[in-house]
PDB file of N, CA and C in Angstrom:
ATOM      1  N   UNK A   1     -51.983 -71.248  48.659  1.00  0.00           N
ATOM      2  CA  UNK A   1     -52.473 -71.963  49.822  1.00  0.00           C
ATOM      3  C   UNK A   1     -52.025 -73.416  49.767  1.00  0.00           C
ATOM      4  N   UNK A   2     -51.833 -73.969  50.937  1.00  0.00           N
ATOM      5  CA  UNK A   2     -51.440 -75.370  51.070  1.00  0.00           C
ATOM      6  C   UNK A   2     -52.499 -76.065  51.910  1.00  0.00           C
ATOM      7  N   UNK A   3     -52.935 -77.211  51.445  1.00  0.00           N
ATOM      8  CA  UNK A   3     -53.887 -78.014  52.199  1.00  0.00           C
ATOM      9  C   UNK A   3     -53.208 -79.313  52.637  1.00  0.00           C
ATOM     10  N   UNK A   4     -53.473 -79.680  53.871  1.00  0.00           N
ATOM     11  CA  UNK A   4     -52.914 -80.900  54.436  1.00  0.00           C
ATOM     12  C   UNK A   4     -54.058 -81.757  54.960  1.00  0.00           C
ATOM     13  N   UNK A   5     -54.085 -83.005  54.541  1.00  0.00           N
ATOM     14  CA  UNK A   5     -55.126 -83.916  54.981  1.00  0.00           C
ATOM     15  C   UNK A   5     -54.479 -85.112  55.653  1.00  0.00           C
ATOM     16  N   UNK A   6     -54.789 -85.279  56.929  1.00  0.00           N
ATOM     17  CA  UNK A   6     -54.224 -86.376  57.717  1.00  0.00           C
ATOM     18  C   UNK A   6     -55.202 -87.537  57.782  1.00  0.00           C
ATOM     19  N   UNK A   7     -54.662 -88.709  57.965  1.00  0.00           N
ATOM     20  CA  UNK A   7     -55.487 -89.891  58.168  1.00  0.00           C
ATOM     21  C   UNK A   7     -54.680 -90.925  58.923  1.00  0.00           C
ATOM     22  N   UNK A   8     -55.372 -91.923  59.454  1.00  0.00           N
ATOM     23  CA  UNK A   8     -54.696 -93.050  60.073  1.00  0.00           C
ATOM     24  C   UNK A   8     -54.755 -93.102  61.583  1.00  0.00           C
ATOM     25  N   UNK A   9     -55.330 -92.096  62.211  1.00  0.00           N
ATOM     26  CA  UNK A   9     -55.436 -92.149  63.663  1.00  0.00           C
ATOM     27  C   UNK A   9     -56.461 -93.180  64.105  1.00  0.00           C
ATOM     28  N   UNK A  10     -56.538 -93.394  65.404  1.00  0.00           N
ATOM     29  CA  UNK A  10     -57.504 -94.348  65.922  1.00  0.00           C
ATOM     30  C   UNK A  10     -57.178 -94.767  67.335  1.00  0.00           C
ATOM     31  N   UNK A  11     -57.836 -95.822  67.750  1.00  0.00           N
ATOM     32  CA  UNK A  11     -57.661 -96.386  69.087  1.00  0.00           C
ATOM     33  C   UNK A  11     -56.875 -97.680  68.983  1.00  0.00           C
ATOM     34  N   UNK A  12     -55.844 -97.805  69.808  1.00  0.00           N
ATOM     35  CA  UNK A  12     -55.017 -98.994  69.777  1.00  0.00           C
ATOM     36  C   UNK A  12     -54.565 -99.317  71.200  1.00  0.00           C
ATOM     37  N   UNK A  13     -54.309-100.568  71.462  1.00  0.00           N
ATOM     38  CA  UNK A  13     -53.809-100.963  72.777  1.00  0.00           C
ATOM     39  C   UNK A  13     -52.317-100.681  72.883  1.00  0.00           C
ATOM     40  N   UNK A  14     -51.863-100.505  74.087  1.00  0.00           N
ATOM     41  CA  UNK A  14     -50.437-100.298  74.319  1.00  0.00           C
ATOM     42  C   UNK A  14     -49.645-101.445  73.703  1.00  0.00           C
ATOM     43  N   UNK A  15     -48.542-101.080  73.061  1.00  0.00           N
ATOM     44  CA  UNK A  15     -47.731-102.065  72.364  1.00  0.00           C
ATOM     45  C   UNK A  15     -48.094-102.230  70.900  1.00  0.00           C
ATOM     46  N   UNK A  16     -49.217-101.655  70.510  1.00  0.00           N
ATOM     47  CA  UNK A  16     -49.666-101.765  69.129  1.00  0.00           C
ATOM     48  C   UNK A  16     -49.028-100.743  68.212  1.00  0.00           C
ATOM     49  N   UNK A  17     -49.519-100.720  66.969  1.00  0.00           N
ATOM     50  CA  UNK A  17     -48.942 -99.840  65.947  1.00  0.00           C
ATOM     51  C   UNK A  17     -50.044 -99.099  65.202  1.00  0.00           C
ATOM     52  N   UNK A  18     -49.680 -97.940  64.710  1.00  0.00           N
ATOM     53  CA  UNK A  18     -50.529 -97.164  63.814  1.00  0.00           C
ATOM     54  C   UNK A  18     -49.649 -96.488  62.780  1.00  0.00           C
ATOM     55  N   UNK A  19     -50.223 -96.195  61.638  1.00  0.00           N
ATOM     56  CA  UNK A  19     -49.508 -95.459  60.610  1.00  0.00           C
ATOM     57  C   UNK A  19     -50.341 -94.248  60.207  1.00  0.00           C
ATOM     58  N   UNK A  20     -49.772 -93.080  60.397  1.00  0.00           N
ATOM     59  CA  UNK A  20     -50.428 -91.846  60.006  1.00  0.00           C
ATOM     60  C   UNK A  20     -49.943 -91.416  58.631  1.00  0.00           C
ATOM     61  N   UNK A  21     -50.836 -90.802  57.865  1.00  0.00           N
ATOM     62  CA  UNK A  21     -50.492 -90.248  56.565  1.00  0.00           C
ATOM     63  C   UNK A  21     -50.906 -88.796  56.510  1.00  0.00           C
ATOM     64  N   UNK A  22     -50.148 -88.006  55.766  1.00  0.00           N
ATOM     65  CA  UNK A  22     -50.494 -86.606  55.560  1.00  0.00           C
ATOM     66  C   UNK A  22     -50.221 -86.275  54.107  1.00  0.00           C
ATOM     67  N   UNK A  23     -51.263 -85.946  53.373  1.00  0.00           N
ATOM     68  CA  UNK A  23     -51.137 -85.612  51.958  1.00  0.00           C
ATOM     69  C   UNK A  23     -51.242 -84.109  51.781  1.00  0.00           C
ATOM     70  N   UNK A  24     -50.265 -83.550  51.080  1.00  0.00           N
ATOM     71  CA  UNK A  24     -50.232 -82.109  50.835  1.00  0.00           C
ATOM     72  C   UNK A  24     -50.713 -81.804  49.422  1.00  0.00           C
ATOM     73  N   UNK A  25     -51.428 -80.699  49.297  1.00  0.00           N
ATOM     74  CA  UNK A  25     -51.861 -80.237  47.973  1.00  0.00           C
ATOM     75  C   UNK A  25     -51.889 -78.720  47.965  1.00  0.00           C
ATOM     76  N   UNK A  26     -52.043 -78.167  46.762  1.00  0.00           N
ATOM     77  CA  UNK A  26     -52.060 -76.710  46.653  1.00  0.00           C
ATOM     78  C   UNK A  26     -50.704 -76.177  46.220  1.00  0.00           C
ATOM     79  N   UNK A  27     -50.392 -74.992  46.704  1.00  0.00           N
ATOM     80  CA  UNK A  27     -49.175 -74.293  46.279  1.00  0.00           C
ATOM     81  C   UNK A  27     -47.968 -74.780  47.055  1.00  0.00           C
ATOM     82  N   UNK A  28     -47.577 -75.995  46.756  1.00  0.00           N
ATOM     83  CA  UNK A  28     -46.422 -76.562  47.423  1.00  0.00           C
ATOM     84  C   UNK A  28     -45.585 -77.287  46.401  1.00  0.00           C
ATOM     85  N   UNK A  29     -44.322 -76.959  46.337  1.00  0.00           N
ATOM     86  CA  UNK A  29     -43.440 -77.572  45.346  1.00  0.00           C
ATOM     87  C   UNK A  29     -42.547 -78.634  45.954  1.00  0.00           C
ATOM     88  N   UNK A  30     -42.437 -78.622  47.250  1.00  0.00           N
ATOM     89  CA  UNK A  30     -41.540 -79.567  47.915  1.00  0.00           C
ATOM     90  C   UNK A  30     -42.128 -79.929  49.268  1.00  0.00           C
ATOM     91  N   UNK A  31     -41.876 -81.151  49.691  1.00  0.00           N
ATOM     92  CA  UNK A  31     -42.338 -81.538  51.012  1.00  0.00           C
ATOM     93  C   UNK A  31     -41.182 -81.617  51.994  1.00  0.00           C
ATOM     94  N   UNK A  32     -40.125 -80.858  51.714  1.00  0.00           N
ATOM     95  CA  UNK A  32     -39.131 -80.661  52.764  1.00  0.00           C
ATOM     96  C   UNK A  32     -39.800 -79.906  53.910  1.00  0.00           C
ATOM     97  N   UNK A  33     -39.194 -79.957  55.068  1.00  0.00           N
ATOM     98  CA  UNK A  33     -39.729 -79.262  56.239  1.00  0.00           C
ATOM     99  C   UNK A  33     -41.183 -79.628  56.487  1.00  0.00           C
ATOM    100  N   UNK A  34     -41.473 -80.888  56.459  1.00  0.00           N
ATOM    101  CA  UNK A  34     -42.830 -81.387  56.674  1.00  0.00           C
ATOM    102  C   UNK A  34     -42.757 -82.509  57.693  1.00  0.00           C
ATOM    103  N   UNK A  35     -43.712 -82.540  58.592  1.00  0.00           N
ATOM    104  CA  UNK A  35     -43.665 -83.584  59.595  1.00  0.00           C
ATOM    105  C   UNK A  35     -44.843 -83.528  60.541  1.00  0.00           C
ATOM    106  N   UNK A  36     -44.598 -83.959  61.772  1.00  0.00           N
ATOM    107  CA  UNK A  36     -45.674 -84.178  62.726  1.00  0.00           C
ATOM    108  C   UNK A  36     -45.390 -83.554  64.089  1.00  0.00           C
ATOM    109  N   UNK A  37     -46.426 -82.955  64.630  1.00  0.00           N
ATOM    110  CA  UNK A  37     -46.455 -82.518  66.014  1.00  0.00           C
ATOM    111  C   UNK A  37     -47.629 -83.219  66.687  1.00  0.00           C
ATOM    112  N   UNK A  38     -47.678 -83.157  67.987  1.00  0.00           N
ATOM    113  CA  UNK A  38     -48.858 -83.669  68.698  1.00  0.00           C
ATOM    114  C   UNK A  38     -49.176 -82.760  69.870  1.00  0.00           C
ATOM    115  N   UNK A  39     -50.431 -82.823  70.267  1.00  0.00           N
ATOM    116  CA  UNK A  39     -50.884 -82.012  71.392  1.00  0.00           C
ATOM    117  C   UNK A  39     -51.764 -82.833  72.295  1.00  0.00           C
ATOM    118  N   UNK A  40     -51.510 -82.748  73.591  1.00  0.00           N
ATOM    119  CA  UNK A  40     -52.343 -83.398  74.595  1.00  0.00           C
ATOM    120  C   UNK A  40     -52.940 -82.312  75.477  1.00  0.00           C
ATOM    121  N   UNK A  41     -54.075 -82.600  76.118  1.00  0.00           N
ATOM    122  CA  UNK A  41     -54.733 -81.575  76.934  1.00  0.00           C
ATOM    123  C   UNK A  41     -53.807 -80.977  77.983  1.00  0.00           C
ATOM    124  N   UNK A  42     -53.780 -79.674  78.048  1.00  0.00           N
ATOM    125  CA  UNK A  42     -52.981 -78.991  79.052  1.00  0.00           C
ATOM    126  C   UNK A  42     -51.526 -78.819  78.698  1.00  0.00           C
ATOM    127  N   UNK A  43     -51.137 -79.313  77.527  1.00  0.00           N
ATOM    128  CA  UNK A  43     -49.738 -79.195  77.130  1.00  0.00           C
ATOM    129  C   UNK A  43     -49.622 -78.443  75.816  1.00  0.00           C
ATOM    130  N   UNK A  44     -48.447 -77.891  75.607  1.00  0.00           N
ATOM    131  CA  UNK A  44     -48.188 -77.231  74.327  1.00  0.00           C
ATOM    132  C   UNK A  44     -47.992 -78.270  73.238  1.00  0.00           C
ATOM    133  N   UNK A  45     -48.226 -77.839  72.022  1.00  0.00           N
ATOM    134  CA  UNK A  45     -47.971 -78.721  70.887  1.00  0.00           C
ATOM    135  C   UNK A  45     -46.475 -79.022  70.844  1.00  0.00           C
ATOM    136  N   UNK A  46     -46.126 -80.282  70.678  1.00  0.00           N
ATOM    137  CA  UNK A  46     -44.731 -80.680  70.702  1.00  0.00           C
ATOM    138  C   UNK A  46     -44.351 -81.438  69.437  1.00  0.00           C
ATOM    139  N   UNK A  47     -43.090 -81.285  69.076  1.00  0.00           N
ATOM    140  CA  UNK A  47     -42.568 -81.986  67.921  1.00  0.00           C
ATOM    141  C   UNK A  47     -42.556 -83.485  68.182  1.00  0.00           C
ATOM    142  N   UNK A  48     -42.989 -84.249  67.193  1.00  0.00           N
ATOM    143  CA  UNK A  48     -42.874 -85.703  67.255  1.00  0.00           C
ATOM    144  C   UNK A  48     -41.761 -86.153  66.306  1.00  0.00           C
ATOM    145  N   UNK A  49     -41.906 -85.838  65.041  1.00  0.00           N
ATOM    146  CA  UNK A  49     -40.918 -86.198  64.033  1.00  0.00           C
ATOM    147  C   UNK A  49     -41.128 -85.308  62.824  1.00  0.00           C
ATOM    148  N   UNK A  50     -40.033 -84.919  62.208  1.00  0.00           N
ATOM    149  CA  UNK A  50     -40.156 -84.041  61.057  1.00  0.00           C
ATOM    150  C   UNK A  50     -38.953 -84.159  60.138  1.00  0.00           C
ATOM    151  N   UNK A  51     -39.179 -83.863  58.880  1.00  0.00           N
ATOM    152  CA  UNK A  51     -38.084 -83.616  57.959  1.00  0.00           C
ATOM    153  C   UNK A  51     -37.749 -82.133  58.095  1.00  0.00           C
ATOM    154  N   UNK A  52     -36.475 -81.834  58.072  1.00  0.00           N
ATOM    155  CA  UNK A  52     -36.064 -80.437  58.149  1.00  0.00           C
ATOM    156  C   UNK A  52     -35.895 -79.865  56.745  1.00  0.00           C
ATOM    157  N   UNK A  53     -35.697 -78.564  56.676  1.00  0.00           N
ATOM    158  CA  UNK A  53     -35.487 -77.919  55.372  1.00  0.00           C
ATOM    159  C   UNK A  53     -34.260 -78.478  54.666  1.00  0.00           C
ATOM    160  N   UNK A  54     -33.305 -78.949  55.449  1.00  0.00           N
ATOM    161  CA  UNK A  54     -32.087 -79.526  54.877  1.00  0.00           C
ATOM    162  C   UNK A  54     -32.285 -80.969  54.441  1.00  0.00           C
ATOM    163  N   UNK A  55     -33.456 -81.531  54.742  1.00  0.00           N
ATOM    164  CA  UNK A  55     -33.721 -82.889  54.295  1.00  0.00           C
ATOM    165  C   UNK A  55     -33.406 -83.960  55.315  1.00  0.00           C
ATOM    166  N   UNK A  56     -32.913 -83.558  56.489  1.00  0.00           N
ATOM    167  CA  UNK A  56     -32.631 -84.547  57.521  1.00  0.00           C
ATOM    168  C   UNK A  56     -33.900 -84.790  58.341  1.00  0.00           C
ATOM    169  N   UNK A  57     -33.815 -85.714  59.274  1.00  0.00           N
ATOM    170  CA  UNK A  57     -34.959 -86.012  60.136  1.00  0.00           C
ATOM    171  C   UNK A  57     -34.644 -85.639  61.573  1.00  0.00           C
ATOM    172  N   UNK A  58     -35.693 -85.298  62.284  1.00  0.00           N
ATOM    173  CA  UNK A  58     -35.560 -84.938  63.692  1.00  0.00           C
ATOM    174  C   UNK A  58     -36.696 -85.605  64.436  1.00  0.00           C
ATOM    175  N   UNK A  59     -36.361 -86.232  65.565  1.00  0.00           N
ATOM    176  CA  UNK A  59     -37.350 -86.936  66.373  1.00  0.00           C
ATOM    177  C   UNK A  59     -37.317 -86.422  67.812  1.00  0.00           C
ATOM    178  N   UNK A  60     -38.484 -86.474  68.448  1.00  0.00           N
ATOM    179  CA  UNK A  60     -38.514 -86.249  69.889  1.00  0.00           C
ATOM    180  C   UNK A  60     -37.826 -87.422  70.566  1.00  0.00           C
ATOM    181  N   UNK A  61     -37.130 -87.155  71.659  1.00  0.00           N
ATOM    182  CA  UNK A  61     -36.431 -88.235  72.363  1.00  0.00           C
ATOM    183  C   UNK A  61     -37.394 -89.343  72.783  1.00  0.00           C
ATOM    184  N   UNK A  62     -38.608 -88.963  73.110  1.00  0.00           N
ATOM    185  CA  UNK A  62     -39.568 -89.933  73.633  1.00  0.00           C
ATOM    186  C   UNK A  62     -40.039 -90.937  72.586  1.00  0.00           C
ATOM    187  N   UNK A  63     -39.806 -90.651  71.309  1.00  0.00           N
ATOM    188  CA  UNK A  63     -40.286 -91.565  70.268  1.00  0.00           C
ATOM    189  C   UNK A  63     -39.160 -92.224  69.484  1.00  0.00           C
ATOM    190  N   UNK A  64     -37.932 -91.846  69.762  1.00  0.00           N
ATOM    191  CA  UNK A  64     -36.803 -92.429  69.027  1.00  0.00           C
ATOM    192  C   UNK A  64     -36.780 -93.939  69.212  1.00  0.00           C
ATOM    193  N   UNK A  65     -36.580 -94.636  68.113  1.00  0.00           N
ATOM    194  CA  UNK A  65     -36.541 -96.087  68.145  1.00  0.00           C
ATOM    195  C   UNK A  65     -37.913 -96.735  68.026  1.00  0.00           C
ATOM    196  N   UNK A  66     -38.966 -95.948  68.146  1.00  0.00           N
ATOM    197  CA  UNK A  66     -40.324 -96.496  68.045  1.00  0.00           C
ATOM    198  C   UNK A  66     -41.077 -95.933  66.835  1.00  0.00           C
ATOM    199  N   UNK A  67     -40.849 -94.667  66.525  1.00  0.00           N
ATOM    200  CA  UNK A  67     -41.542 -94.009  65.412  1.00  0.00           C
ATOM    201  C   UNK A  67     -40.568 -93.800  64.259  1.00  0.00           C
ATOM    202  N   UNK A  68     -41.114 -93.875  63.047  1.00  0.00           N
ATOM    203  CA  UNK A  68     -40.313 -93.620  61.855  1.00  0.00           C
ATOM    204  C   UNK A  68     -41.087 -92.724  60.901  1.00  0.00           C
ATOM    205  N   UNK A  69     -40.463 -91.642  60.494  1.00  0.00           N
ATOM    206  CA  UNK A  69     -41.074 -90.749  59.509  1.00  0.00           C
ATOM    207  C   UNK A  69     -40.520 -91.083  58.135  1.00  0.00           C
ATOM    208  N   UNK A  70     -41.386 -91.064  57.147  1.00  0.00           N
ATOM    209  CA  UNK A  70     -40.966 -91.329  55.779  1.00  0.00           C
ATOM    210  C   UNK A  70     -41.817 -90.475  54.833  1.00  0.00           C
ATOM    211  N   UNK A  71     -41.463 -90.483  53.564  1.00  0.00           N
ATOM    212  CA  UNK A  71     -42.223 -89.646  52.634  1.00  0.00           C
ATOM    213  C   UNK A  71     -42.213 -90.226  51.240  1.00  0.00           C
ATOM    214  N   UNK A  72     -43.207 -89.827  50.486  1.00  0.00           N
ATOM    215  CA  UNK A  72     -43.310 -90.153  49.072  1.00  0.00           C
ATOM    216  C   UNK A  72     -43.401 -88.814  48.347  1.00  0.00           C
ATOM    217  N   UNK A  73     -42.288 -88.398  47.763  1.00  0.00           N
ATOM    218  CA  UNK A  73     -42.251 -87.071  47.139  1.00  0.00           C
ATOM    219  C   UNK A  73     -43.245 -86.955  45.980  1.00  0.00           C
ATOM    220  N   UNK A  74     -43.395 -88.034  45.226  1.00  0.00           N
ATOM    221  CA  UNK A  74     -44.296 -87.985  44.073  1.00  0.00           C
ATOM    222  C   UNK A  74     -45.742 -87.759  44.515  1.00  0.00           C
ATOM    223  N   UNK A  75     -46.091 -88.326  45.664  1.00  0.00           N
ATOM    224  CA  UNK A  75     -47.452 -88.176  46.174  1.00  0.00           C
ATOM    225  C   UNK A  75     -47.575 -86.995  47.134  1.00  0.00           C
ATOM    226  N   UNK A  76     -46.450 -86.321  47.405  1.00  0.00           N
ATOM    227  CA  UNK A  76     -46.445 -85.220  48.377  1.00  0.00           C
ATOM    228  C   UNK A  76     -47.101 -85.666  49.683  1.00  0.00           C
ATOM    229  N   UNK A  77     -46.679 -86.809  50.129  1.00  0.00           N
ATOM    230  CA  UNK A  77     -47.259 -87.414  51.329  1.00  0.00           C
ATOM    231  C   UNK A  77     -46.163 -87.795  52.306  1.00  0.00           C
ATOM    232  N   UNK A  78     -46.416 -87.496  53.559  1.00  0.00           N
ATOM    233  CA  UNK A  78     -45.516 -87.884  54.633  1.00  0.00           C
ATOM    234  C   UNK A  78     -46.234 -88.892  55.526  1.00  0.00           C
ATOM    235  N   UNK A  79     -45.483 -89.860  56.012  1.00  0.00           N
ATOM    236  CA  UNK A  79     -46.046 -90.915  56.846  1.00  0.00           C
ATOM    237  C   UNK A  79     -45.360 -90.911  58.207  1.00  0.00           C
ATOM    238  N   UNK A  80     -46.075 -91.412  59.180  1.00  0.00           N
ATOM    239  CA  UNK A  80     -45.491 -91.636  60.499  1.00  0.00           C
ATOM    240  C   UNK A  80     -45.878 -93.034  60.952  1.00  0.00           C
ATOM    241  N   UNK A  81     -44.907 -93.917  60.931  1.00  0.00           N
ATOM    242  CA  UNK A  81     -45.122 -95.279  61.437  1.00  0.00           C
ATOM    243  C   UNK A  81     -44.839 -95.275  62.922  1.00  0.00           C
ATOM    244  N   UNK A  82     -45.837 -95.629  63.698  1.00  0.00           N
ATOM    245  CA  UNK A  82     -45.720 -95.603  65.158  1.00  0.00           C
ATOM    246  C   UNK A  82     -45.847 -97.025  65.693  1.00  0.00           C
ATOM    247  N   UNK A  83     -44.773 -97.529  66.271  1.00  0.00           N
ATOM    248  CA  UNK A  83     -44.747 -98.867  66.843  1.00  0.00           C
ATOM    249  C   UNK A  83     -44.565 -98.784  68.353  1.00  0.00           C
ATOM    250  N   UNK A  84     -44.841 -99.896  69.011  1.00  0.00           N
ATOM    251  CA  UNK A  84     -44.680 -99.975  70.470  1.00  0.00           C
ATOM    252  C   UNK A  84     -45.329 -98.775  71.155  1.00  0.00           C
ATOM    253  N   UNK A  85     -46.548 -98.503  70.769  1.00  0.00           N
ATOM    254  CA  UNK A  85     -47.243 -97.325  71.288  1.00  0.00           C
ATOM    255  C   UNK A  85     -47.476 -97.433  72.788  1.00  0.00           C
ATOM    256  N   UNK A  86     -47.414 -96.286  73.431  1.00  0.00           N
ATOM    257  CA  UNK A  86     -47.608 -96.185  74.869  1.00  0.00           C
ATOM    258  C   UNK A  86     -48.792 -95.255  75.153  1.00  0.00           C
ATOM    259  N   UNK A  87     -49.423 -95.403  76.310  1.00  0.00           N
ATOM    260  CA  UNK A  87     -50.536 -94.496  76.641  1.00  0.00           C
ATOM    261  C   UNK A  87     -50.143 -93.014  76.569  1.00  0.00           C
ATOM    262  N   UNK A  88     -48.909 -92.712  76.873  1.00  0.00           N
ATOM    263  CA  UNK A  88     -48.470 -91.307  76.824  1.00  0.00           C
ATOM    264  C   UNK A  88     -48.309 -90.776  75.400  1.00  0.00           C
ATOM    265  N   UNK A  89     -48.455 -91.644  74.412  1.00  0.00           N
ATOM    266  CA  UNK A  89     -48.461 -91.183  73.022  1.00  0.00           C
ATOM    267  C   UNK A  89     -49.838 -90.654  72.608  1.00  0.00           C
ATOM    268  N   UNK A  90     -50.801 -90.820  73.472  1.00  0.00           N
ATOM    269  CA  UNK A  90     -52.155 -90.346  73.179  1.00  0.00           C
ATOM    270  C   UNK A  90     -52.171 -88.850  72.959  1.00  0.00           C
ATOM    271  N   UNK A  91     -52.888 -88.420  71.922  1.00  0.00           N
ATOM    272  CA  UNK A  91     -53.014 -87.007  71.645  1.00  0.00           C
ATOM    273  C   UNK A  91     -53.559 -86.776  70.245  1.00  0.00           C
ATOM    274  N   UNK A  92     -53.661 -85.525  69.879  1.00  0.00           N
ATOM    275  CA  UNK A  92     -54.039 -85.157  68.519  1.00  0.00           C
ATOM    276  C   UNK A  92     -52.757 -84.886  67.749  1.00  0.00           C
ATOM    277  N   UNK A  93     -52.601 -85.571  66.664  1.00  0.00           N
ATOM    278  CA  UNK A  93     -51.395 -85.461  65.851  1.00  0.00           C
ATOM    279  C   UNK A  93     -51.678 -84.545  64.657  1.00  0.00           C
ATOM    280  N   UNK A  94     -50.818 -83.559  64.522  1.00  0.00           N
ATOM    281  CA  UNK A  94     -50.964 -82.559  63.468  1.00  0.00           C
ATOM    282  C   UNK A  94     -49.803 -82.637  62.483  1.00  0.00           C
ATOM    283  N   UNK A  95     -50.148 -82.591  61.239  1.00  0.00           N
ATOM    284  CA  UNK A  95     -49.157 -82.508  60.177  1.00  0.00           C
ATOM    285  C   UNK A  95     -48.845 -81.039  59.902  1.00  0.00           C
ATOM    286  N   UNK A  96     -47.615 -80.747  59.561  1.00  0.00           N
ATOM    287  CA  UNK A  96     -47.238 -79.358  59.261  1.00  0.00           C
ATOM    288  C   UNK A  96     -46.347 -79.299  58.032  1.00  0.00           C
ATOM    289  N   UNK A  97     -46.324 -78.143  57.429  1.00  0.00           N
ATOM    290  CA  UNK A  97     -45.340 -77.802  56.413  1.00  0.00           C
ATOM    291  C   UNK A  97     -44.724 -76.475  56.832  1.00  0.00           C
ATOM    292  N   UNK A  98     -43.437 -76.494  57.015  1.00  0.00           N
ATOM    293  CA  UNK A  98     -42.689 -75.295  57.397  1.00  0.00           C
ATOM    294  C   UNK A  98     -43.168 -74.703  58.720  1.00  0.00           C
ATOM    295  N   UNK A  99     -43.910 -75.476  59.476  1.00  0.00           N
ATOM    296  CA  UNK A  99     -44.511 -75.034  60.733  1.00  0.00           C
ATOM    297  C   UNK A  99     -45.388 -73.802  60.499  1.00  0.00           C
ATOM    298  N   UNK A 100     -45.852 -73.655  59.275  1.00  0.00           N
ATOM    299  CA  UNK A 100     -46.732 -72.550  58.899  1.00  0.00           C
ATOM    300  C   UNK A 100     -48.117 -73.073  58.546  1.00  0.00           C
ATOM    301  N   UNK A 101     -48.143 -74.117  57.770  1.00  0.00           N
ATOM    302  CA  UNK A 101     -49.400 -74.744  57.367  1.00  0.00           C
ATOM    303  C   UNK A 101     -49.628 -75.978  58.229  1.00  0.00           C
ATOM    304  N   UNK A 102     -50.886 -76.169  58.635  1.00  0.00           N
ATOM    305  CA  UNK A 102     -51.219 -77.266  59.551  1.00  0.00           C
ATOM    306  C   UNK A 102     -52.450 -78.004  59.069  1.00  0.00           C
ATOM    307  N   UNK A 103     -52.460 -79.300  59.322  1.00  0.00           N
ATOM    308  CA  UNK A 103     -53.639 -80.089  59.055  1.00  0.00           C
ATOM    309  C   UNK A 103     -54.656 -79.931  60.168  1.00  0.00           C
ATOM    310  N   UNK A 104     -55.758 -80.648  60.020  1.00  0.00           N
ATOM    311  CA  UNK A 104     -56.844 -80.526  60.994  1.00  0.00           C
ATOM    312  C   UNK A 104     -56.609 -81.376  62.233  1.00  0.00           C
ATOM    313  N   UNK A 105     -55.673 -82.273  62.153  1.00  0.00           N
ATOM    314  CA  UNK A 105     -55.347 -83.133  63.276  1.00  0.00           C
ATOM    315  C   UNK A 105     -56.076 -84.465  63.208  1.00  0.00           C
ATOM    316  N   UNK A 106     -55.427 -85.479  63.718  1.00  0.00           N
ATOM    317  CA  UNK A 106     -56.036 -86.802  63.799  1.00  0.00           C
ATOM    318  C   UNK A 106     -55.772 -87.358  65.194  1.00  0.00           C
ATOM    319  N   UNK A 107     -56.807 -87.915  65.794  1.00  0.00           N
ATOM    320  CA  UNK A 107     -56.720 -88.382  67.178  1.00  0.00           C
ATOM    321  C   UNK A 107     -56.056 -89.756  67.237  1.00  0.00           C
ATOM    322  N   UNK A 108     -55.099 -89.876  68.137  1.00  0.00           N
ATOM    323  CA  UNK A 108     -54.482 -91.158  68.445  1.00  0.00           C
ATOM    324  C   UNK A 108     -54.722 -91.429  69.924  1.00  0.00           C
ATOM    325  N   UNK A 109     -55.323 -92.567  70.211  1.00  0.00           N
ATOM    326  CA  UNK A 109     -55.597 -92.945  71.593  1.00  0.00           C
ATOM    327  C   UNK A 109     -54.993 -94.314  71.845  1.00  0.00           C
ATOM    328  N   UNK A 110     -54.135 -94.389  72.861  1.00  0.00           N
ATOM    329  CA  UNK A 110     -53.484 -95.642  73.215  1.00  0.00           C
ATOM    330  C   UNK A 110     -53.986 -96.051  74.593  1.00  0.00           C
ATOM    331  N   UNK A 111     -54.642 -97.182  74.654  1.00  0.00           N
ATOM    332  CA  UNK A 111     -55.189 -97.653  75.918  1.00  0.00           C
ATOM    333  C   UNK A 111     -54.194 -98.563  76.619  1.00  0.00           C
ATOM    334  N   UNK A 112     -54.248 -98.533  77.927  1.00  0.00           N
ATOM    335  CA  UNK A 112     -53.304 -99.347  78.722  1.00  0.00           C
ATOM    336  C   UNK A 112     -53.886-100.716  79.029  1.00  0.00           C
TER     337      UNK A 112
END
């Protein structure tokens, strides 16, 4: 089993920044293929940023240039630095591993 614990969500004004963290534990040897999705009411869960199995990064077009994904392999933790936040970034952000294991989600609310 793999456990994922997210933190760092909150309420911020448009133009502000937040940093999300996701710590993995359990039966996991690598944090490749680990990253972030988000979900807003009435919409499907969508990719925000992720490391792929090959070790590269992939971002949604809507966040390129504003969000940065990074990781600490020793801590088995992935981060999402979110800058220049917009109201449309509001949603529940979920951490994943291999798109199989998911965290409980952390709420991000950006006010206009």
